[in-house]
PDB file of N, CA and C in Angstrom:
ATOM      1  N   MET A   1     -24.749  26.704  15.699  1.00  0.00           N
ATOM      2  CA  MET A   1     -23.979  27.111  14.497  1.00  0.00           C
ATOM      3  C   MET A   1     -24.689  26.714  12.835  1.00  0.00           C
ATOM      4  N   ALA A   2     -24.564  27.505  11.862  1.00  0.00           N
ATOM      5  CA  ALA A   2     -25.411  27.130  10.867  1.00  0.00           C
ATOM      6  C   ALA A   2     -24.187  26.978   9.970  1.00  0.00           C
ATOM      7  N   PHE A   3     -24.758  26.390   8.645  1.00  0.00           N
ATOM      8  CA  PHE A   3     -24.106  26.009   7.587  1.00  0.00           C
ATOM      9  C   PHE A   3     -24.451  26.773   6.247  1.00  0.00           C
ATOM     10  N   ASP A   4     -23.798  26.906   5.247  1.00  0.00           N
ATOM     11  CA  ASP A   4     -23.819  27.357   4.152  1.00  0.00           C
ATOM     12  C   ASP A   4     -24.754  26.660   3.269  1.00  0.00           C
ATOM     13  N   GLU A   5     -26.182  27.243   3.170  1.00  0.00           N
ATOM     14  CA  GLU A   5     -27.384  26.368   2.668  1.00  0.00           C
ATOM     15  C   GLU A   5     -27.091  26.547   1.072  1.00  0.00           C
ATOM     16  N   LYS A   6     -26.397  27.509   0.853  1.00  0.00           N
ATOM     17  CA  LYS A   6     -26.239  27.461  -0.986  1.00  0.00           C
ATOM     18  C   LYS A   6     -25.303  26.669  -1.200  1.00  0.00           C
ATOM     19  N   LEU A   7     -24.394  26.192  -0.422  1.00  0.00           N
ATOM     20  CA  LEU A   7     -23.130  25.191  -0.877  1.00  0.00           C
ATOM     21  C   LEU A   7     -23.949  23.912  -0.391  1.00  0.00           C
ATOM     22  N   ASN A   8     -24.684  23.906   0.147  1.00  0.00           N
ATOM     23  CA  ASN A   8     -25.517  22.137   0.300  1.00  0.00           C
ATOM     24  C   ASN A   8     -26.447  22.471  -0.769  1.00  0.00           C
ATOM     25  N   ASP A   9     -26.887  23.374  -1.409  1.00  0.00           N
ATOM     26  CA  ASP A   9     -27.992  23.157  -2.686  1.00  0.00           C
ATOM     27  C   ASP A   9     -26.955  22.793  -3.907  1.00  0.00           C
ATOM     28  N   ARG A  10     -25.569  23.391  -4.106  1.00  0.00           N
ATOM     29  CA  ARG A  10     -24.810  23.123  -5.049  1.00  0.00           C
ATOM     30  C   ARG A  10     -24.365  21.333  -4.789  1.00  0.00           C
ATOM     31  N   LEU A  11     -24.021  21.117  -3.415  1.00  0.00           N
ATOM     32  CA  LEU A  11     -23.688  19.808  -3.237  1.00  0.00           C
ATOM     33  C   LEU A  11     -24.876  18.639  -3.468  1.00  0.00           C
ATOM     34  N   ARG A  12     -25.884  18.726  -3.020  1.00  0.00           N
ATOM     35  CA  ARG A  12     -27.032  17.994  -3.188  1.00  0.00           C
ATOM     36  C   ARG A  12     -27.221  18.013  -4.845  1.00  0.00           C
ATOM     37  N   GLU A  13     -27.096  18.856  -5.691  1.00  0.00           N
ATOM     38  CA  GLU A  13     -26.718  18.860  -7.102  1.00  0.00           C
ATOM     39  C   GLU A  13     -25.871  17.748  -7.806  1.00  0.00           C
ATOM     40  N   ALA A  14     -24.799  18.149  -6.722  1.00  0.00           N
ATOM     41  CA  ALA A  14     -23.955  17.237  -7.285  1.00  0.00           C
ATOM     42  C   ALA A  14     -23.861  15.604  -7.244  1.00  0.00           C
ATOM     43  N   LEU A  15     -24.571  15.576  -6.166  1.00  0.00           N
ATOM     44  CA  LEU A  15     -24.802  13.976  -5.504  1.00  0.00           C
ATOM     45  C   LEU A  15     -26.061  13.478  -6.421  1.00  0.00           C
ATOM     46  N   ALA A  16     -27.135  14.198  -6.862  1.00  0.00           N
ATOM     47  CA  ALA A  16     -28.303  13.960  -7.548  1.00  0.00           C
ATOM     48  C   ALA A  16     -28.560  12.461  -8.436  1.00  0.00           C
ATOM     49  N   ASP A  17     -27.183  12.412  -9.194  1.00  0.00           N
ATOM     50  CA  ASP A  17     -27.444  11.480 -10.056  1.00  0.00           C
ATOM     51  C   ASP A  17     -26.514  10.172  -9.613  1.00  0.00           C
ATOM     52  N   VAL A  18     -25.913  10.155  -8.655  1.00  0.00           N
ATOM     53  CA  VAL A  18     -25.069   9.191  -7.811  1.00  0.00           C
ATOM     54  C   VAL A  18     -25.906   8.004  -7.877  1.00  0.00           C
ATOM     55  N   PRO A  19     -25.804   6.699  -8.124  1.00  0.00           N
ATOM     56  CA  PRO A  19     -26.663   5.710  -8.149  1.00  0.00           C
ATOM     57  C   PRO A  19     -26.199   4.750  -6.938  1.00  0.00           C
ATOM     58  N   LYS A  20     -26.085   5.590  -5.922  1.00  0.00           N
ATOM     59  CA  LYS A  20     -26.167   4.756  -4.432  1.00  0.00           C
ATOM     60  C   LYS A  20     -26.723   5.479  -3.382  1.00  0.00           C
ATOM     61  N   LYS A  21     -26.701   4.648  -2.337  1.00  0.00           N
ATOM     62  CA  LYS A  21     -27.549   4.732  -1.257  1.00  0.00           C
ATOM     63  C   LYS A  21     -27.276   6.273  -0.314  1.00  0.00           C
ATOM     64  N   ILE A  22     -27.883   7.393  -0.725  1.00  0.00           N
ATOM     65  CA  ILE A  22     -27.240   8.693   0.018  1.00  0.00           C
ATOM     66  C   ILE A  22     -28.285   9.199   1.017  1.00  0.00           C
ATOM     67  N   GLU A  23     -27.627   9.572   2.259  1.00  0.00           N
ATOM     68  CA  GLU A  23     -28.262   9.617   3.294  1.00  0.00           C
ATOM     69  C   GLU A  23     -27.833  11.071   3.938  1.00  0.00           C
ATOM     70  N   GLU A  24     -28.732  12.073   3.907  1.00  0.00           N
ATOM     71  CA  GLU A  24     -28.241  13.418   4.459  1.00  0.00           C
ATOM     72  C   GLU A  24     -28.335  13.428   6.146  1.00  0.00           C
ATOM     73  N   LYS A  25     -27.375  13.761   6.661  1.00  0.00           N
ATOM     74  CA  LYS A  25     -27.660  13.868   8.174  1.00  0.00           C
ATOM     75  C   LYS A  25     -26.923  15.308   8.704  1.00  0.00           C
ATOM     76  N   HIS A  26     -27.502  15.595   9.717  1.00  0.00           N
ATOM     77  CA  HIS A  26     -27.297  16.881  10.249  1.00  0.00           C
ATOM     78  C   HIS A  26     -26.306  16.616  11.418  1.00  0.00           C
ATOM     79  N   MET A  27     -25.144  17.044  11.649  1.00  0.00           N
ATOM     80  CA  MET A  27     -24.400  16.920  12.340  1.00  0.00           C
ATOM     81  C   MET A  27     -22.873  17.571  12.574  1.00  0.00           C
ATOM     82  N   PHE A  28     -22.373  17.655  13.778  1.00  0.00           N
ATOM     83  CA  PHE A  28     -21.028  18.838  13.867  1.00  0.00           C
ATOM     84  C   PHE A  28     -21.318  20.043  13.406  1.00  0.00           C
ATOM     85  N   GLY A  29     -22.784  20.542  13.828  1.00  0.00           N
ATOM     86  CA  GLY A  29     -23.097  21.765  13.230  1.00  0.00           C
ATOM     87  C   GLY A  29     -23.283  22.150  11.660  1.00  0.00           C
ATOM     88  N   GLY A  30     -23.290  21.366  11.071  1.00  0.00           N
ATOM     89  CA  GLY A  30     -23.365  20.939   9.545  1.00  0.00           C
ATOM     90  C   GLY A  30     -24.304  20.004   9.019  1.00  0.00           C
ATOM     91  N   VAL A  31     -23.635  19.759   7.619  1.00  0.00           N
ATOM     92  CA  VAL A  31     -24.487  18.392   7.117  1.00  0.00           C
ATOM     93  C   VAL A  31     -23.489  17.736   6.676  1.00  0.00           C
ATOM     94  N   CYS A  32     -23.802  16.151   6.805  1.00  0.00           N
ATOM     95  CA  CYS A  32     -22.808  15.433   6.438  1.00  0.00           C
ATOM     96  C   CYS A  32     -23.700  14.147   5.317  1.00  0.00           C
ATOM     97  N   TYR A  33     -23.053  13.846   4.146  1.00  0.00           N
ATOM     98  CA  TYR A  33     -23.795  12.954   3.434  1.00  0.00           C
ATOM     99  C   TYR A  33     -22.892  11.432   3.426  1.00  0.00           C
ATOM    100  N   MET A  34     -23.781  10.757   4.074  1.00  0.00           N
ATOM    101  CA  MET A  34     -23.523   9.348   4.113  1.00  0.00           C
ATOM    102  C   MET A  34     -23.687   8.611   2.874  1.00  0.00           C
ATOM    103  N   VAL A  35     -22.893   7.680   1.986  1.00  0.00           N
ATOM    104  CA  VAL A  35     -23.107   7.054   1.158  1.00  0.00           C
ATOM    105  C   VAL A  35     -22.842   5.742   1.249  1.00  0.00           C
ATOM    106  N   ASN A  36     -23.721   4.894   1.128  1.00  0.00           N
ATOM    107  CA  ASN A  36     -23.822   3.681   1.613  1.00  0.00           C
ATOM    108  C   ASN A  36     -23.240   3.192   2.829  1.00  0.00           C
ATOM    109  N   GLY A  37     -24.087   4.162   3.646  1.00  0.00           N
ATOM    110  CA  GLY A  37     -23.838   4.166   5.167  1.00  0.00           C
ATOM    111  C   GLY A  37     -22.204   4.738   5.875  1.00  0.00           C
ATOM    112  N   LYS A  38     -21.962   5.020   4.833  1.00  0.00           N
ATOM    113  CA  LYS A  38     -20.238   5.719   5.502  1.00  0.00           C
ATOM    114  C   LYS A  38     -20.149   7.422   5.200  1.00  0.00           C
ATOM    115  N   MET A  39     -19.620   8.043   5.700  1.00  0.00           N
ATOM    116  CA  MET A  39     -19.495   9.291   5.837  1.00  0.00           C
ATOM    117  C   MET A  39     -18.592   9.528   4.371  1.00  0.00           C
ATOM    118  N   CYS A  40     -18.911  10.560   3.652  1.00  0.00           N
ATOM    119  CA  CYS A  40     -18.372  10.784   2.264  1.00  0.00           C
ATOM    120  C   CYS A  40     -18.057  12.412   2.191  1.00  0.00           C
ATOM    121  N   VAL A  41     -18.883  13.048   2.440  1.00  0.00           N
ATOM    122  CA  VAL A  41     -18.783  14.607   2.093  1.00  0.00           C
ATOM    123  C   VAL A  41     -19.596  15.273   2.772  1.00  0.00           C
ATOM    124  N   GLY A  42     -19.374  16.594   2.883  1.00  0.00           N
ATOM    125  CA  GLY A  42     -20.411  17.305   3.979  1.00  0.00           C
ATOM    126  C   GLY A  42     -20.052  18.959   3.676  1.00  0.00           C
ATOM    127  N   ILE A  43     -20.693  19.736   4.831  1.00  0.00           N
ATOM    128  CA  ILE A  43     -20.406  20.858   4.908  1.00  0.00           C
ATOM    129  C   ILE A  43     -20.579  21.247   6.230  1.00  0.00           C
ATOM    130  N   VAL A  44     -19.183  22.207   6.643  1.00  0.00           N
ATOM    131  CA  VAL A  44     -19.243  22.632   7.908  1.00  0.00           C
ATOM    132  C   VAL A  44     -18.775  24.145   7.847  1.00  0.00           C
ATOM    133  N   LYS A  45     -19.634  24.805   8.520  1.00  0.00           N
ATOM    134  CA  LYS A  45     -20.037  26.068   8.078  1.00  0.00           C
ATOM    135  C   LYS A  45     -20.113  26.585   7.002  1.00  0.00           C
ATOM    136  N   ASP A  46     -19.105  26.863   6.038  1.00  0.00           N
ATOM    137  CA  ASP A  46     -18.932  27.527   4.802  1.00  0.00           C
ATOM    138  C   ASP A  46     -18.109  26.817   3.803  1.00  0.00           C
ATOM    139  N   GLU A  47     -17.477  25.669   4.526  1.00  0.00           N
ATOM    140  CA  GLU A  47     -16.582  25.015   4.055  1.00  0.00           C
ATOM    141  C   GLU A  47     -16.853  23.196   3.713  1.00  0.00           C
ATOM    142  N   LEU A  48     -16.289  22.931   2.825  1.00  0.00           N
ATOM    143  CA  LEU A  48     -16.740  21.572   2.332  1.00  0.00           C
ATOM    144  C   LEU A  48     -15.734  20.475   2.853  1.00  0.00           C
ATOM    145  N   MET A  49     -16.395  19.377   3.461  1.00  0.00           N
ATOM    146  CA  MET A  49     -15.455  18.310   4.549  1.00  0.00           C
ATOM    147  C   MET A  49     -15.769  17.274   3.242  1.00  0.00           C
ATOM    148  N   CYS A  50     -14.461  16.746   3.040  1.00  0.00           N
ATOM    149  CA  CYS A  50     -14.343  15.707   2.115  1.00  0.00           C
ATOM    150  C   CYS A  50     -13.345  14.220   2.987  1.00  0.00           C
ATOM    151  N   ARG A  51     -14.171  13.016   2.841  1.00  0.00           N
ATOM    152  CA  ARG A  51     -13.239  11.840   3.336  1.00  0.00           C
ATOM    153  C   ARG A  51     -12.658  11.627   1.944  1.00  0.00           C
ATOM    154  N   ILE A  52     -11.235  11.659   1.608  1.00  0.00           N
ATOM    155  CA  ILE A  52     -10.471  11.401   0.482  1.00  0.00           C
ATOM    156  C   ILE A  52      -9.706  10.045   0.729  1.00  0.00           C
ATOM    157  N   GLY A  53      -9.459   9.923   1.941  1.00  0.00           N
ATOM    158  CA  GLY A  53      -8.430   8.867   2.371  1.00  0.00           C
ATOM    159  C   GLY A  53      -6.958   9.272   2.278  1.00  0.00           C
ATOM    160  N   PRO A  54      -5.922   8.429   2.982  1.00  0.00           N
ATOM    161  CA  PRO A  54      -4.743   8.669   3.219  1.00  0.00           C
ATOM    162  C   PRO A  54      -4.060   8.718   1.919  1.00  0.00           C
ATOM    163  N   ASN A  55      -4.360   7.920   0.942  1.00  0.00           N
ATOM    164  CA  ASN A  55      -3.668   7.962  -0.156  1.00  0.00           C
ATOM    165  C   ASN A  55      -3.498   9.150  -1.406  1.00  0.00           C
ATOM    166  N   ALA A  56      -4.972   9.685  -1.145  1.00  0.00           N
ATOM    167  CA  ALA A  56      -4.724  11.196  -2.112  1.00  0.00           C
ATOM    168  C   ALA A  56      -4.617  12.591  -1.063  1.00  0.00           C
ATOM    169  N   TYR A  57      -4.303  11.993   0.279  1.00  0.00           N
ATOM    170  CA  TYR A  57      -4.358  13.415   1.178  1.00  0.00           C
ATOM    171  C   TYR A  57      -3.180  14.559   0.787  1.00  0.00           C
ATOM    172  N   GLU A  58      -2.076  14.118   0.728  1.00  0.00           N
ATOM    173  CA  GLU A  58      -0.884  14.814   0.456  1.00  0.00           C
ATOM    174  C   GLU A  58      -1.079  15.607  -0.807  1.00  0.00           C
ATOM    175  N   ALA A  59      -1.415  15.405  -1.933  1.00  0.00           N
ATOM    176  CA  ALA A  59      -2.023  15.740  -2.964  1.00  0.00           C
ATOM    177  C   ALA A  59      -2.785  16.517  -2.808  1.00  0.00           C
ATOM    178  N   ALA A  60      -4.020  16.487  -2.280  1.00  0.00           N
ATOM    179  CA  ALA A  60      -4.997  16.939  -2.228  1.00  0.00           C
ATOM    180  C   ALA A  60      -4.782  18.537  -1.704  1.00  0.00           C
ATOM    181  N   LEU A  61      -3.864  18.171  -0.440  1.00  0.00           N
ATOM    182  CA  LEU A  61      -3.561  19.253   0.395  1.00  0.00           C
ATOM    183  C   LEU A  61      -2.827  20.410  -0.381  1.00  0.00           C
ATOM    184  N   LYS A  62      -2.481  20.230  -1.752  1.00  0.00           N
ATOM    185  CA  LYS A  62      -1.791  21.316  -2.466  1.00  0.00           C
ATOM    186  C   LYS A  62      -2.403  21.895  -3.612  1.00  0.00           C
ATOM    187  N   LYS A  63      -3.820  21.488  -3.347  1.00  0.00           N
ATOM    188  CA  LYS A  63      -4.923  22.258  -4.376  1.00  0.00           C
ATOM    189  C   LYS A  63      -5.265  23.570  -3.894  1.00  0.00           C
ATOM    190  N   PRO A  64      -5.487  24.564  -4.831  1.00  0.00           N
ATOM    191  CA  PRO A  64      -6.508  25.850  -3.970  1.00  0.00           C
ATOM    192  C   PRO A  64      -7.467  25.434  -3.019  1.00  0.00           C
ATOM    193  N   GLY A  65      -7.276  26.213  -2.006  1.00  0.00           N
ATOM    194  CA  GLY A  65      -8.406  25.939  -1.162  1.00  0.00           C
ATOM    195  C   GLY A  65      -8.526  25.092  -0.017  1.00  0.00           C
ATOM    196  N   CYS A  66      -7.724  23.795  -0.302  1.00  0.00           N
ATOM    197  CA  CYS A  66      -7.680  22.967   0.561  1.00  0.00           C
ATOM    198  C   CYS A  66      -6.886  22.794   1.491  1.00  0.00           C
ATOM    199  N   HIS A  67      -7.268  22.395   2.922  1.00  0.00           N
ATOM    200  CA  HIS A  67      -6.568  22.623   4.183  1.00  0.00           C
ATOM    201  C   HIS A  67      -6.668  21.297   4.979  1.00  0.00           C
ATOM    202  N   GLU A  68      -6.266  21.084   5.891  1.00  0.00           N
ATOM    203  CA  GLU A  68      -6.258  20.038   6.843  1.00  0.00           C
ATOM    204  C   GLU A  68      -7.614  19.941   7.497  1.00  0.00           C
ATOM    205  N   MET A  69      -8.168  18.935   7.673  1.00  0.00           N
ATOM    206  CA  MET A  69      -9.258  19.008   8.694  1.00  0.00           C
ATOM    207  C   MET A  69      -9.070  18.655  10.300  1.00  0.00           C
ATOM    208  N   ILE A  70      -8.892  19.820  11.098  1.00  0.00           N
ATOM    209  CA  ILE A  70      -8.670  19.547  12.349  1.00  0.00           C
ATOM    210  C   ILE A  70      -9.571  20.120  13.061  1.00  0.00           C
ATOM    211  N   PHE A  71     -10.172  18.810  13.531  1.00  0.00           N
ATOM    212  CA  PHE A  71     -11.536  18.981  14.245  1.00  0.00           C
ATOM    213  C   PHE A  71     -11.701  18.824  15.699  1.00  0.00           C
ATOM    214  N   THR A  72     -10.564  17.750  16.370  1.00  0.00           N
ATOM    215  CA  THR A  72     -10.527  17.914  17.691  1.00  0.00           C
ATOM    216  C   THR A  72      -9.071  17.969  18.492  1.00  0.00           C
ATOM    217  N   GLY A  73      -8.660  19.362  17.521  1.00  0.00           N
ATOM    218  CA  GLY A  73      -7.119  19.371  18.028  1.00  0.00           C
ATOM    219  C   GLY A  73      -6.338  19.033  17.219  1.00  0.00           C
ATOM    220  N   LYS A  74      -6.369  18.072  16.572  1.00  0.00           N
ATOM    221  CA  LYS A  74      -5.289  17.331  15.575  1.00  0.00           C
ATOM    222  C   LYS A  74      -5.697  17.051  14.279  1.00  0.00           C
ATOM    223  N   PRO A  75      -4.880  17.040  13.247  1.00  0.00           N
ATOM    224  CA  PRO A  75      -5.512  16.846  11.940  1.00  0.00           C
ATOM    225  C   PRO A  75      -6.055  15.543  11.802  1.00  0.00           C
ATOM    226  N   MET A  76      -6.965  15.311  11.028  1.00  0.00           N
ATOM    227  CA  MET A  76      -7.665  14.197  10.717  1.00  0.00           C
ATOM    228  C   MET A  76      -7.100  13.768   9.303  1.00  0.00           C
ATOM    229  N   LYS A  77      -6.274  12.680   9.399  1.00  0.00           N
ATOM    230  CA  LYS A  77      -5.496  12.221   8.081  1.00  0.00           C
ATOM    231  C   LYS A  77      -6.684  11.817   7.108  1.00  0.00           C
ATOM    232  N   GLY A  78      -6.638  12.020   6.111  1.00  0.00           N
ATOM    233  CA  GLY A  78      -7.605  11.359   5.064  1.00  0.00           C
ATOM    234  C   GLY A  78      -8.850  11.908   4.957  1.00  0.00           C
ATOM    235  N   TYR A  79      -8.918  13.191   5.650  1.00  0.00           N
ATOM    236  CA  TYR A  79      -9.987  14.002   5.782  1.00  0.00           C
ATOM    237  C   TYR A  79      -9.539  15.504   5.117  1.00  0.00           C
ATOM    238  N   VAL A  80     -10.376  16.347   4.605  1.00  0.00           N
ATOM    239  CA  VAL A  80      -9.957  17.824   4.551  1.00  0.00           C
ATOM    240  C   VAL A  80     -10.802  18.659   4.236  1.00  0.00           C
ATOM    241  N   PHE A  81     -10.743  19.803   4.419  1.00  0.00           N
ATOM    242  CA  PHE A  81     -11.518  21.063   4.280  1.00  0.00           C
ATOM    243  C   PHE A  81     -11.320  21.783   3.000  1.00  0.00           C
ATOM    244  N   VAL A  82     -11.995  22.079   2.183  1.00  0.00           N
ATOM    245  CA  VAL A  82     -11.939  22.886   0.915  1.00  0.00           C
ATOM    246  C   VAL A  82     -13.000  24.287   1.225  1.00  0.00           C
ATOM    247  N   ASN A  83     -12.124  25.322   1.066  1.00  0.00           N
ATOM    248  CA  ASN A  83     -13.133  26.781   1.022  1.00  0.00           C
ATOM    249  C   ASN A  83     -13.546  27.046   0.096  1.00  0.00           C
ATOM    250  N   GLU A  84     -13.764  28.183  -0.340  1.00  0.00           N
ATOM    251  CA  GLU A  84     -14.630  29.004  -1.480  1.00  0.00           C
ATOM    252  C   GLU A  84     -13.655  28.810  -2.464  1.00  0.00           C
ATOM    253  N   GLU A  85     -12.353  29.087  -2.526  1.00  0.00           N
ATOM    254  CA  GLU A  85     -11.162  29.332  -3.460  1.00  0.00           C
ATOM    255  C   GLU A  85     -11.122  27.820  -4.016  1.00  0.00           C
ATOM    256  N   GLY A  86     -11.427  26.854  -3.656  1.00  0.00           N
ATOM    257  CA  GLY A  86     -11.110  25.502  -4.098  1.00  0.00           C
ATOM    258  C   GLY A  86     -12.210  25.148  -5.073  1.00  0.00           C
ATOM    259  N   MET A  87     -13.388  25.567  -4.927  1.00  0.00           N
ATOM    260  CA  MET A  87     -14.707  25.308  -5.387  1.00  0.00           C
ATOM    261  C   MET A  87     -15.553  25.948  -6.081  1.00  0.00           C
ATOM    262  N   LYS A  88     -15.219  27.019  -6.744  1.00  0.00           N
ATOM    263  CA  LYS A  88     -15.743  28.093  -7.182  1.00  0.00           C
ATOM    264  C   LYS A  88     -16.763  27.930  -8.716  1.00  0.00           C
ATOM    265  N   THR A  89     -16.019  26.977  -9.278  1.00  0.00           N
ATOM    266  CA  THR A  89     -16.994  26.369 -10.511  1.00  0.00           C
ATOM    267  C   THR A  89     -17.666  24.809 -10.012  1.00  0.00           C
ATOM    268  N   LYS A  90     -18.478  24.642 -10.832  1.00  0.00           N
ATOM    269  CA  LYS A  90     -19.410  23.126 -10.681  1.00  0.00           C
ATOM    270  C   LYS A  90     -18.108  22.292 -11.005  1.00  0.00           C
ATOM    271  N   LYS A  91     -17.164  22.514 -11.647  1.00  0.00           N
ATOM    272  CA  LYS A  91     -16.309  21.299 -12.223  1.00  0.00           C
ATOM    273  C   LYS A  91     -15.251  21.066 -10.728  1.00  0.00           C
ATOM    274  N   ASP A  92     -15.062  22.167 -10.330  1.00  0.00           N
ATOM    275  CA  ASP A  92     -14.497  22.314  -9.133  1.00  0.00           C
ATOM    276  C   ASP A  92     -14.836  21.593  -7.744  1.00  0.00           C
ATOM    277  N   LEU A  93     -16.006  21.801  -7.601  1.00  0.00           N
ATOM    278  CA  LEU A  93     -17.036  21.189  -6.832  1.00  0.00           C
ATOM    279  C   LEU A  93     -16.927  19.542  -7.224  1.00  0.00           C
ATOM    280  N   GLU A  94     -17.317  19.096  -8.493  1.00  0.00           N
ATOM    281  CA  GLU A  94     -17.595  17.969  -8.651  1.00  0.00           C
ATOM    282  C   GLU A  94     -16.357  17.099  -8.333  1.00  0.00           C
ATOM    283  N   TYR A  95     -14.993  17.875  -8.893  1.00  0.00           N
ATOM    284  CA  TYR A  95     -13.878  17.239  -8.237  1.00  0.00           C
ATOM    285  C   TYR A  95     -13.638  16.419  -6.701  1.00  0.00           C
ATOM    286  N   TRP A  96     -14.053  17.610  -5.793  1.00  0.00           N
ATOM    287  CA  TRP A  96     -13.991  16.920  -4.728  1.00  0.00           C
ATOM    288  C   TRP A  96     -14.985  16.085  -4.422  1.00  0.00           C
ATOM    289  N   VAL A  97     -16.381  15.980  -4.932  1.00  0.00           N
ATOM    290  CA  VAL A  97     -17.209  15.171  -4.373  1.00  0.00           C
ATOM    291  C   VAL A  97     -16.802  13.690  -5.186  1.00  0.00           C
ATOM    292  N   ASN A  98     -16.385  13.812  -6.388  1.00  0.00           N
ATOM    293  CA  ASN A  98     -15.775  12.499  -7.288  1.00  0.00           C
ATOM    294  C   ASN A  98     -14.885  11.998  -6.444  1.00  0.00           C
ATOM    295  N   LEU A  99     -13.903  12.571  -5.829  1.00  0.00           N
ATOM    296  CA  LEU A  99     -12.699  12.158  -5.043  1.00  0.00           C
ATOM    297  C   LEU A  99     -13.045  11.652  -3.741  1.00  0.00           C
ATOM    298  N   SER A 100     -14.169  12.183  -3.176  1.00  0.00           N
ATOM    299  CA  SER A 100     -14.823  11.635  -1.997  1.00  0.00           C
ATOM    300  C   SER A 100     -15.272  10.309  -2.473  1.00  0.00           C
ATOM    301  N   LEU A 101     -16.320  10.158  -3.472  1.00  0.00           N
ATOM    302  CA  LEU A 101     -16.856   9.035  -3.487  1.00  0.00           C
ATOM    303  C   LEU A 101     -16.044   8.092  -4.175  1.00  0.00           C
ATOM    304  N   LYS A 102     -15.157   8.232  -4.959  1.00  0.00           N
ATOM    305  CA  LYS A 102     -14.051   6.894  -4.962  1.00  0.00           C
ATOM    306  C   LYS A 102     -13.564   6.376  -3.698  1.00  0.00           C
ATOM    307  N   PHE A 103     -13.304   7.345  -2.723  1.00  0.00           N
ATOM    308  CA  PHE A 103     -12.532   6.533  -1.669  1.00  0.00           C
ATOM    309  C   PHE A 103     -13.814   6.125  -0.923  1.00  0.00           C
ATOM    310  N   ASN A 104     -14.831   6.495  -1.353  1.00  0.00           N
ATOM    311  CA  ASN A 104     -16.124   5.630  -0.243  1.00  0.00           C
ATOM    312  C   ASN A 104     -16.290   4.250  -0.949  1.00  0.00           C
ATOM    313  N   ASP A 105     -15.762   3.816  -1.914  1.00  0.00           N
ATOM    314  CA  ASP A 105     -15.982   2.448  -2.221  1.00  0.00           C
ATOM    315  C   ASP A 105     -14.820   1.648  -1.699  1.00  0.00           C
ATOM    316  N   GLU A 106     -13.886   2.093  -1.308  1.00  0.00           N
ATOM    317  CA  GLU A 106     -12.769   1.319  -0.398  1.00  0.00           C
ATOM    318  C   GLU A 106     -12.966   1.887   1.089  1.00  0.00           C
ATOM    319  N   ALA A 107     -13.574   2.673   1.600  1.00  0.00           N
ATOM    320  CA  ALA A 107     -13.543   3.042   2.898  1.00  0.00           C
ATOM    321  C   ALA A 107     -14.361   2.128   3.685  1.00  0.00           C
ATOM    322  N   LYS A 108     -13.916   1.951   5.014  1.00  0.00           N
ATOM    323  CA  LYS A 108     -14.736   1.076   5.916  1.00  0.00           C
ATOM    324  C   LYS A 108     -15.840   1.887   6.675  1.00  0.00           C
ATOM    325  N   SER A 109     -17.021   1.330   6.691  1.00  0.00           N
ATOM    326  CA  SER A 109     -17.990   1.903   7.630  1.00  0.00           C
ATOM    327  C   SER A 109     -17.485   1.954   8.910  1.00  0.00           C
ATOM    328  N   SER A 110     -17.769   3.172   9.764  1.00  0.00           N
ATOM    329  CA  SER A 110     -17.428   2.710  11.419  1.00  0.00           C
ATOM    330  C   SER A 110     -18.197   1.610  11.969  1.00  0.00           C
ATOM    331  N   LYS A 111     -17.829   1.373  13.096  1.00  0.00           N
ATOM    332  CA  LYS A 111     -18.718   0.194  13.711  1.00  0.00           C
ATOM    333  C   LYS A 111     -19.727   0.679  14.603  1.00  0.00           C
ATOM    334  N   LYS A 112     -20.631   0.282  14.604  1.00  0.00           N
ATOM    335  CA  LYS A 112     -21.725   0.949  15.289  1.00  0.00           C
ATOM    336  C   LYS A 112     -22.081   0.086  16.498  1.00  0.00           C
ATOM    337  N   THR A 113     -22.245   0.813  17.578  1.00  0.00           N
ATOM    338  CA  THR A 113     -22.228   0.104  18.726  1.00  0.00           C
ATOM    339  C   THR A 113     -23.860  -0.100  19.099  1.00  0.00           C
ATOM    340  N   PRO A 114     -23.773  -1.549  19.480  1.00  0.00           N
ATOM    341  CA  PRO A 114     -25.368  -1.695  19.367  1.00  0.00           C
ATOM    342  C   PRO A 114     -26.143  -1.147  20.740  1.00  0.00           C
ATOM    343  N   ALA A 115     -27.512  -0.977  20.375  1.00  0.00           N
ATOM    344  CA  ALA A 115     -28.294  -0.018  21.460  1.00  0.00           C
ATOM    345  C   ALA A 115     -28.265  -1.094  22.808  1.00  0.00           C
ATOM    346  N   LYS A 116     -28.135  -0.419  23.805  1.00  0.00           N
ATOM    347  CA  LYS A 116     -28.219  -1.089  24.856  1.00  0.00           C
ATOM    348  C   LYS A 116     -29.984  -1.508  25.194  1.00  0.00           C
ATOM    349  N   LYS A 117     -29.428  -2.610  25.719  1.00  0.00           N
ATOM    350  CA  LYS A 117     -31.138  -3.289  25.883  1.00  0.00           C
ATOM    351  C   LYS A 117     -31.500  -2.942  27.451  1.00  0.00           C
ATOM    352  N   THR A 118     -32.655  -2.561  27.357  1.00  0.00           N
ATOM    353  CA  THR A 118     -33.313  -2.219  29.101  1.00  0.00           C
ATOM    354  C   THR A 118     -33.918  -3.602  29.639  1.00  0.00           C
ATOM    355  N   LYS A 119     -33.748  -3.579  30.596  1.00  0.00           N
ATOM    356  CA  LYS A 119     -34.224  -4.919  31.230  1.00  0.00           C
ATOM    357  C   LYS A 119     -35.972  -4.203  31.808  1.00  0.00           C
ATOM    358  N   LYS A 120     -36.701  -5.212  31.417  1.00  0.00           N
ATOM    359  CA  LYS A 120     -38.405  -4.554  31.770  1.00  0.00           C
ATOM    360  C   LYS A 120     -38.356  -5.363  33.177  1.00  0.00           C
ATOM    361  N   LYS A 121     -38.979  -4.603  33.813  1.00  0.00           N
ATOM    362  CA  LYS A 121     -39.260  -5.154  35.627  1.00  0.00           C
ATOM    363  C   LYS A 121     -40.818  -5.634  35.595  1.00  0.00           C
TER     364      LYS A 121
END
């Protein structure tokens, strides 16, 4: 499943001057930007995926182009998708990126399961 490369270029540009550790990971058929080891923002198909947290969630859903992130059959509270209507301009895109970066500061990183050790024979 492909994702919007032009949108990814715009997103990279929006993140270029962020003074934090940013890692680009390809996952869920798209791309995700991890900021300080935590999922922050990404692209699925042609939509922006934003981790904005539960406090900003309801207000964000009222913005043009924003809708619930339904990934495994149920809404993921604190995550939204934003379609083209919600990020027409550079300023629009930066709004969503900044909202995601703001929440990233307070977000907890997911617990990583330790790699299983194999016994040597």
